[in-house]
């Protein structure tokens, strides 16, 4: 596991600027318990999970090495991550249509004209 607790402090503080001490303590406790649960699941059933997906330890080591190499290259060259974070947007409210309004819209469409009926 790659972990830099002192390097992660500024990141944690920037992600939780609106939380008070108790809120930050809850976030720390929840994330620590989540990491512990993942660690215990893989410690207990890691071999079974790897066997289920037909992953060998060697292949897992190679994949981890490739990921570390790519992260190192990004850090070395200062490349921007391809993941973009955008502020959440509210979806536009949809106009509710009833069966009658859809039916009349079909009947009076501009390309058919009012005299021709489509559905009979």
N, C-alpha and C. Protein backbone atom coordinates (compact mmCIF):
# COMPACT_ATOMS: atom_id res chain seq x y z
N UNK A 1 0.84 -1.16 0.00
CA UNK A 1 0.00 0.00 0.00
C UNK A 1 0.89 1.24 0.00
N UNK A 2 0.56 2.18 -0.85
CA UNK A 2 1.31 3.43 -0.89
C UNK A 2 0.58 4.42 0.01
N UNK A 3 1.31 4.93 0.98
CA UNK A 3 0.68 5.83 1.93
C UNK A 3 1.68 6.86 2.39
N UNK A 4 1.30 8.11 2.34
CA UNK A 4 2.14 9.19 2.82
C UNK A 4 1.27 10.05 3.74
N UNK A 5 1.22 9.71 5.04
CA UNK A 5 0.30 10.42 5.93
C UNK A 5 0.56 11.92 6.01
N UNK A 6 1.81 12.34 6.03
CA UNK A 6 2.11 13.76 6.14
C UNK A 6 1.78 14.49 4.84
N UNK A 7 1.94 13.83 3.73
CA UNK A 7 1.59 14.44 2.45
C UNK A 7 0.08 14.50 2.22
N UNK A 8 -0.66 13.62 2.90
CA UNK A 8 -2.11 13.58 2.73
C UNK A 8 -2.84 14.58 3.63
N UNK A 9 -2.16 15.14 4.62
CA UNK A 9 -2.81 16.09 5.52
C UNK A 9 -3.34 17.31 4.77
N UNK A 10 -2.55 17.97 3.90
CA UNK A 10 -3.11 19.12 3.18
C UNK A 10 -4.28 18.74 2.26
N UNK A 11 -4.21 17.57 1.67
CA UNK A 11 -5.30 17.11 0.80
C UNK A 11 -6.57 16.92 1.63
N UNK A 12 -6.42 16.27 2.78
CA UNK A 12 -7.57 16.03 3.65
C UNK A 12 -8.18 17.36 4.11
N UNK A 13 -7.34 18.30 4.50
CA UNK A 13 -7.84 19.59 4.96
C UNK A 13 -8.52 20.37 3.84
N UNK A 14 -8.02 20.24 2.61
CA UNK A 14 -8.66 20.95 1.49
C UNK A 14 -9.97 20.30 1.08
N UNK A 15 -10.14 19.00 1.35
CA UNK A 15 -11.39 18.33 1.01
C UNK A 15 -12.47 18.52 2.07
N UNK A 16 -12.07 18.92 3.27
CA UNK A 16 -13.04 19.08 4.35
C UNK A 16 -12.99 20.48 4.97
N UNK A 17 -13.06 21.54 4.15
CA UNK A 17 -12.92 22.88 4.74
C UNK A 17 -14.13 23.33 5.56
N UNK A 18 -15.31 22.80 5.26
CA UNK A 18 -16.52 23.26 5.94
C UNK A 18 -16.86 22.43 7.17
N UNK A 19 -16.06 21.40 7.46
CA UNK A 19 -16.35 20.55 8.61
C UNK A 19 -15.63 21.06 9.85
N UNK A 20 -16.27 20.88 10.99
CA UNK A 20 -15.62 21.23 12.24
C UNK A 20 -14.76 20.04 12.70
N UNK A 21 -14.21 20.14 13.89
CA UNK A 21 -13.33 19.08 14.40
C UNK A 21 -14.07 17.74 14.50
N UNK A 22 -15.29 17.77 14.99
CA UNK A 22 -16.07 16.53 15.14
C UNK A 22 -16.37 15.91 13.77
N UNK A 23 -16.68 16.74 12.79
CA UNK A 23 -16.96 16.24 11.44
C UNK A 23 -15.73 15.62 10.81
N UNK A 24 -14.59 16.26 10.99
CA UNK A 24 -13.34 15.69 10.46
C UNK A 24 -12.99 14.39 11.16
N UNK A 25 -13.26 14.33 12.46
CA UNK A 25 -13.00 13.08 13.20
C UNK A 25 -13.89 11.95 12.67
N UNK A 26 -15.16 12.27 12.35
CA UNK A 26 -16.05 11.25 11.78
C UNK A 26 -15.54 10.76 10.43
N UNK A 27 -15.07 11.70 9.59
CA UNK A 27 -14.55 11.31 8.27
C UNK A 27 -13.32 10.44 8.43
N UNK A 28 -12.43 10.80 9.33
CA UNK A 28 -11.22 10.00 9.57
C UNK A 28 -11.59 8.62 10.07
N UNK A 29 -12.53 8.55 11.02
CA UNK A 29 -12.94 7.25 11.57
C UNK A 29 -13.57 6.38 10.49
N UNK A 30 -14.46 6.97 9.69
CA UNK A 30 -15.15 6.19 8.65
C UNK A 30 -14.18 5.69 7.59
N UNK A 31 -13.27 6.55 7.15
CA UNK A 31 -12.31 6.12 6.12
C UNK A 31 -11.33 5.09 6.67
N UNK A 32 -10.94 5.23 7.93
CA UNK A 32 -10.04 4.25 8.52
C UNK A 32 -10.72 2.89 8.67
N UNK A 33 -11.98 2.91 9.09
CA UNK A 33 -12.71 1.64 9.21
C UNK A 33 -12.96 1.00 7.85
N UNK A 34 -13.20 1.81 6.83
CA UNK A 34 -13.38 1.26 5.49
C UNK A 34 -12.08 0.61 5.00
N UNK A 35 -10.96 1.30 5.21
CA UNK A 35 -9.66 0.72 4.80
C UNK A 35 -9.37 -0.55 5.58
N UNK A 36 -9.70 -0.57 6.87
CA UNK A 36 -9.49 -1.78 7.68
C UNK A 36 -10.35 -2.93 7.17
N UNK A 37 -11.60 -2.64 6.83
CA UNK A 37 -12.49 -3.69 6.33
C UNK A 37 -11.97 -4.27 5.03
N UNK A 38 -11.52 -3.43 4.11
CA UNK A 38 -10.97 -3.92 2.85
C UNK A 38 -9.72 -4.76 3.10
N UNK A 39 -8.88 -4.30 4.01
CA UNK A 39 -7.66 -5.03 4.35
C UNK A 39 -7.99 -6.40 4.93
N UNK A 40 -8.97 -6.46 5.84
CA UNK A 40 -9.33 -7.74 6.45
C UNK A 40 -9.98 -8.69 5.46
N UNK A 41 -10.82 -8.15 4.56
CA UNK A 41 -11.46 -9.02 3.55
C UNK A 41 -10.40 -9.65 2.66
N UNK A 42 -9.44 -8.86 2.20
CA UNK A 42 -8.42 -9.42 1.33
C UNK A 42 -7.43 -10.29 2.08
N UNK A 43 -7.22 -10.02 3.36
CA UNK A 43 -6.35 -10.90 4.15
C UNK A 43 -7.00 -12.25 4.35
N UNK A 44 -8.31 -12.25 4.56
CA UNK A 44 -9.01 -13.51 4.82
C UNK A 44 -9.35 -14.26 3.53
N UNK A 45 -9.77 -13.54 2.49
CA UNK A 45 -10.29 -14.22 1.30
C UNK A 45 -9.57 -13.80 0.03
N UNK A 46 -8.37 -13.26 0.14
CA UNK A 46 -7.65 -12.78 -1.04
C UNK A 46 -7.33 -13.88 -2.03
N UNK A 47 -6.87 -15.01 -1.54
CA UNK A 47 -6.55 -16.13 -2.43
C UNK A 47 -7.79 -16.63 -3.16
N UNK A 48 -8.91 -16.69 -2.44
CA UNK A 48 -10.15 -17.15 -3.06
C UNK A 48 -10.60 -16.16 -4.14
N UNK A 49 -10.50 -14.87 -3.85
CA UNK A 49 -10.90 -13.85 -4.83
C UNK A 49 -10.00 -13.92 -6.06
N UNK A 50 -8.69 -14.06 -5.85
CA UNK A 50 -7.78 -14.17 -6.99
C UNK A 50 -8.07 -15.43 -7.80
N UNK A 51 -8.34 -16.53 -7.12
CA UNK A 51 -8.64 -17.77 -7.83
C UNK A 51 -9.96 -17.64 -8.60
N UNK A 52 -10.94 -16.95 -8.02
CA UNK A 52 -12.23 -16.77 -8.66
C UNK A 52 -12.09 -16.01 -9.99
N UNK A 53 -11.21 -15.02 -10.02
CA UNK A 53 -11.00 -14.24 -11.24
C UNK A 53 -9.79 -14.71 -12.04
N UNK A 54 -9.19 -15.81 -11.66
CA UNK A 54 -8.02 -16.40 -12.34
C UNK A 54 -6.85 -15.43 -12.44
N UNK A 55 -6.55 -14.75 -11.33
CA UNK A 55 -5.43 -13.82 -11.28
C UNK A 55 -4.30 -14.48 -10.49
N UNK A 56 -3.11 -14.51 -11.06
CA UNK A 56 -1.96 -15.05 -10.35
C UNK A 56 -1.26 -13.94 -9.58
N UNK A 57 -0.47 -14.32 -8.59
CA UNK A 57 0.27 -13.33 -7.81
C UNK A 57 1.25 -12.58 -8.72
N UNK A 58 1.88 -13.29 -9.64
CA UNK A 58 2.81 -12.64 -10.57
C UNK A 58 2.13 -11.59 -11.43
N UNK A 59 0.94 -11.93 -11.94
CA UNK A 59 0.20 -10.96 -12.76
C UNK A 59 -0.21 -9.75 -11.93
N UNK A 60 -0.57 -9.98 -10.68
CA UNK A 60 -0.95 -8.89 -9.80
C UNK A 60 0.25 -7.98 -9.51
N UNK A 61 1.41 -8.56 -9.32
CA UNK A 61 2.61 -7.77 -9.09
C UNK A 61 2.98 -6.94 -10.32
N UNK A 62 2.86 -7.55 -11.49
CA UNK A 62 3.17 -6.82 -12.73
C UNK A 62 2.19 -5.66 -12.91
N UNK A 63 0.90 -5.91 -12.70
CA UNK A 63 -0.10 -4.84 -12.85
C UNK A 63 0.17 -3.71 -11.85
N UNK A 64 0.51 -4.06 -10.63
CA UNK A 64 0.85 -3.04 -9.64
C UNK A 64 2.08 -2.25 -10.04
N UNK A 65 3.08 -2.92 -10.59
CA UNK A 65 4.28 -2.24 -11.05
C UNK A 65 3.99 -1.29 -12.20
N UNK A 66 3.13 -1.71 -13.12
CA UNK A 66 2.77 -0.85 -14.24
C UNK A 66 2.04 0.40 -13.72
N UNK A 67 1.12 0.21 -12.78
CA UNK A 67 0.40 1.36 -12.22
C UNK A 67 1.35 2.32 -11.50
N UNK A 68 2.29 1.78 -10.73
CA UNK A 68 3.27 2.63 -10.06
C UNK A 68 4.13 3.39 -11.06
N UNK A 69 4.52 2.70 -12.14
CA UNK A 69 5.34 3.33 -13.16
C UNK A 69 4.59 4.48 -13.82
N UNK A 70 3.32 4.26 -14.16
CA UNK A 70 2.52 5.31 -14.80
C UNK A 70 2.31 6.50 -13.87
N UNK A 71 2.09 6.22 -12.59
CA UNK A 71 1.95 7.31 -11.62
C UNK A 71 3.25 8.09 -11.49
N UNK A 72 4.38 7.39 -11.51
CA UNK A 72 5.68 8.05 -11.40
C UNK A 72 5.94 8.93 -12.62
N UNK A 73 5.59 8.45 -13.80
CA UNK A 73 5.77 9.24 -15.01
C UNK A 73 4.92 10.51 -14.95
N UNK A 74 3.66 10.36 -14.50
CA UNK A 74 2.80 11.54 -14.36
C UNK A 74 3.41 12.54 -13.39
N UNK A 75 3.95 12.05 -12.28
CA UNK A 75 4.54 12.95 -11.29
C UNK A 75 5.83 13.57 -11.81
N UNK A 76 6.61 12.81 -12.55
CA UNK A 76 7.88 13.29 -13.05
C UNK A 76 7.70 14.42 -14.05
N UNK A 77 6.77 14.23 -14.96
CA UNK A 77 6.55 15.23 -16.00
C UNK A 77 5.49 16.26 -15.63
N UNK A 78 4.87 16.10 -14.48
CA UNK A 78 3.84 17.05 -14.06
C UNK A 78 2.63 17.03 -14.95
N UNK A 79 2.29 15.86 -15.48
CA UNK A 79 1.14 15.76 -16.37
C UNK A 79 -0.16 15.92 -15.59
N UNK A 80 -1.12 16.53 -16.24
CA UNK A 80 -2.44 16.67 -15.63
C UNK A 80 -3.15 15.34 -15.69
N UNK A 81 -3.85 15.02 -14.65
CA UNK A 81 -4.63 13.80 -14.65
C UNK A 81 -5.77 13.93 -15.65
N UNK A 82 -6.15 12.82 -16.26
CA UNK A 82 -7.24 12.85 -17.22
C UNK A 82 -8.60 12.94 -16.54
N UNK A 83 -8.64 12.66 -15.24
CA UNK A 83 -9.89 12.75 -14.50
C UNK A 83 -10.16 14.21 -14.19
N UNK A 84 -11.30 14.68 -14.58
CA UNK A 84 -11.68 16.06 -14.36
C UNK A 84 -12.79 16.10 -13.32
N UNK A 85 -12.70 17.05 -12.43
CA UNK A 85 -13.72 17.23 -11.42
C UNK A 85 -14.49 18.50 -11.77
N UNK A 86 -15.77 18.34 -11.99
CA UNK A 86 -16.63 19.46 -12.33
C UNK A 86 -17.60 19.68 -11.18
N UNK A 87 -18.00 20.91 -10.95
CA UNK A 87 -19.00 21.13 -9.92
C UNK A 87 -20.31 20.48 -10.32
N UNK A 88 -21.05 19.99 -9.34
CA UNK A 88 -22.31 19.32 -9.69
C UNK A 88 -23.29 20.30 -10.32
N UNK A 89 -23.98 19.81 -11.33
CA UNK A 89 -24.97 20.64 -12.00
C UNK A 89 -26.35 20.06 -11.74
N UNK A 90 -27.31 20.94 -11.68
CA UNK A 90 -28.68 20.48 -11.47
C UNK A 90 -29.29 20.13 -12.82
N UNK A 91 -29.95 19.00 -12.90
CA UNK A 91 -30.59 18.66 -14.17
C UNK A 91 -31.73 19.61 -14.46
N UNK A 92 -31.95 19.86 -15.75
CA UNK A 92 -33.04 20.75 -16.15
C UNK A 92 -34.37 20.04 -15.88
N UNK A 93 -35.33 20.78 -15.34
CA UNK A 93 -36.63 20.13 -15.10
C UNK A 93 -37.30 19.78 -16.42
N UNK A 94 -37.84 18.60 -16.47
CA UNK A 94 -38.51 18.15 -17.68
C UNK A 94 -39.96 18.59 -17.65
N UNK A 95 -40.45 18.94 -18.80
CA UNK A 95 -41.85 19.33 -18.92
C UNK A 95 -42.68 18.07 -18.89
N UNK A 96 -43.63 18.05 -17.99
CA UNK A 96 -44.48 16.87 -17.90
C UNK A 96 -45.47 16.87 -19.06
N UNK A 97 -45.58 15.73 -19.68
CA UNK A 97 -46.54 15.61 -20.76
C UNK A 97 -47.56 14.55 -20.40
N UNK A 98 -48.74 14.78 -20.78
CA UNK A 98 -49.79 13.79 -20.56
C UNK A 98 -50.05 13.06 -21.86
N UNK A 99 -50.84 12.03 -21.78
CA UNK A 99 -51.17 11.27 -22.98
C UNK A 99 -51.87 12.17 -23.99
N UNK A 100 -52.76 13.05 -23.50
CA UNK A 100 -53.53 13.91 -24.39
C UNK A 100 -52.61 14.91 -25.11
N UNK A 101 -51.65 15.50 -24.40
CA UNK A 101 -50.78 16.48 -25.06
C UNK A 101 -49.86 15.81 -26.07
N UNK A 102 -49.40 14.58 -25.80
CA UNK A 102 -48.57 13.88 -26.78
C UNK A 102 -49.39 13.52 -28.01
N UNK A 103 -50.65 13.11 -27.78
CA UNK A 103 -51.50 12.72 -28.89
C UNK A 103 -51.80 13.92 -29.78
N UNK A 104 -52.12 15.07 -29.16
CA UNK A 104 -52.43 16.24 -29.98
C UNK A 104 -51.18 16.76 -30.67
N UNK A 105 -50.02 16.62 -30.05
CA UNK A 105 -48.78 17.06 -30.70
C UNK A 105 -48.49 16.20 -31.92
N UNK A 106 -48.81 14.91 -31.85
CA UNK A 106 -48.62 14.03 -33.00
C UNK A 106 -49.61 14.38 -34.11
N UNK A 107 -50.83 14.64 -33.74
CA UNK A 107 -51.88 14.90 -34.72
C UNK A 107 -51.63 16.22 -35.45
N UNK A 108 -51.12 17.24 -34.74
CA UNK A 108 -50.95 18.56 -35.33
C UNK A 108 -49.50 18.87 -35.63
N UNK A 109 -48.75 17.90 -36.04
CA UNK A 109 -47.34 18.16 -36.34
C UNK A 109 -47.23 18.98 -37.62
N UNK A 110 -46.21 19.82 -37.75
CA UNK A 110 -46.10 20.74 -38.89
C UNK A 110 -45.96 20.03 -40.23
N UNK A 111 -45.34 18.87 -40.27
CA UNK A 111 -45.13 18.23 -41.56
C UNK A 111 -46.36 17.46 -42.03
N UNK A 112 -47.33 17.19 -41.18
CA UNK A 112 -48.53 16.46 -41.60
C UNK A 112 -49.71 17.38 -41.88
N UNK A 113 -49.83 18.43 -41.11
CA UNK A 113 -50.97 19.33 -41.28
C UNK A 113 -52.14 18.89 -40.43
N UNK A 114 -53.12 19.76 -40.23
CA UNK A 114 -54.22 19.44 -39.31
C UNK A 114 -55.22 18.45 -39.88
N UNK A 115 -55.29 18.29 -41.19
CA UNK A 115 -56.34 17.43 -41.74
C UNK A 115 -55.98 15.95 -41.75
N UNK A 116 -54.71 15.62 -41.69
CA UNK A 116 -54.30 14.22 -41.75
C UNK A 116 -54.08 13.69 -40.33
N UNK A 117 -54.63 12.55 -40.07
CA UNK A 117 -54.45 11.94 -38.75
C UNK A 117 -53.42 10.83 -38.87
N UNK A 118 -52.58 10.73 -37.85
CA UNK A 118 -51.48 9.79 -37.94
C UNK A 118 -51.81 8.41 -37.42
N UNK A 119 -52.68 8.31 -36.45
CA UNK A 119 -52.79 7.07 -35.69
C UNK A 119 -54.03 6.25 -36.00
N UNK A 120 -54.72 6.51 -37.05
CA UNK A 120 -55.94 5.74 -37.32
C UNK A 120 -55.86 5.02 -38.59
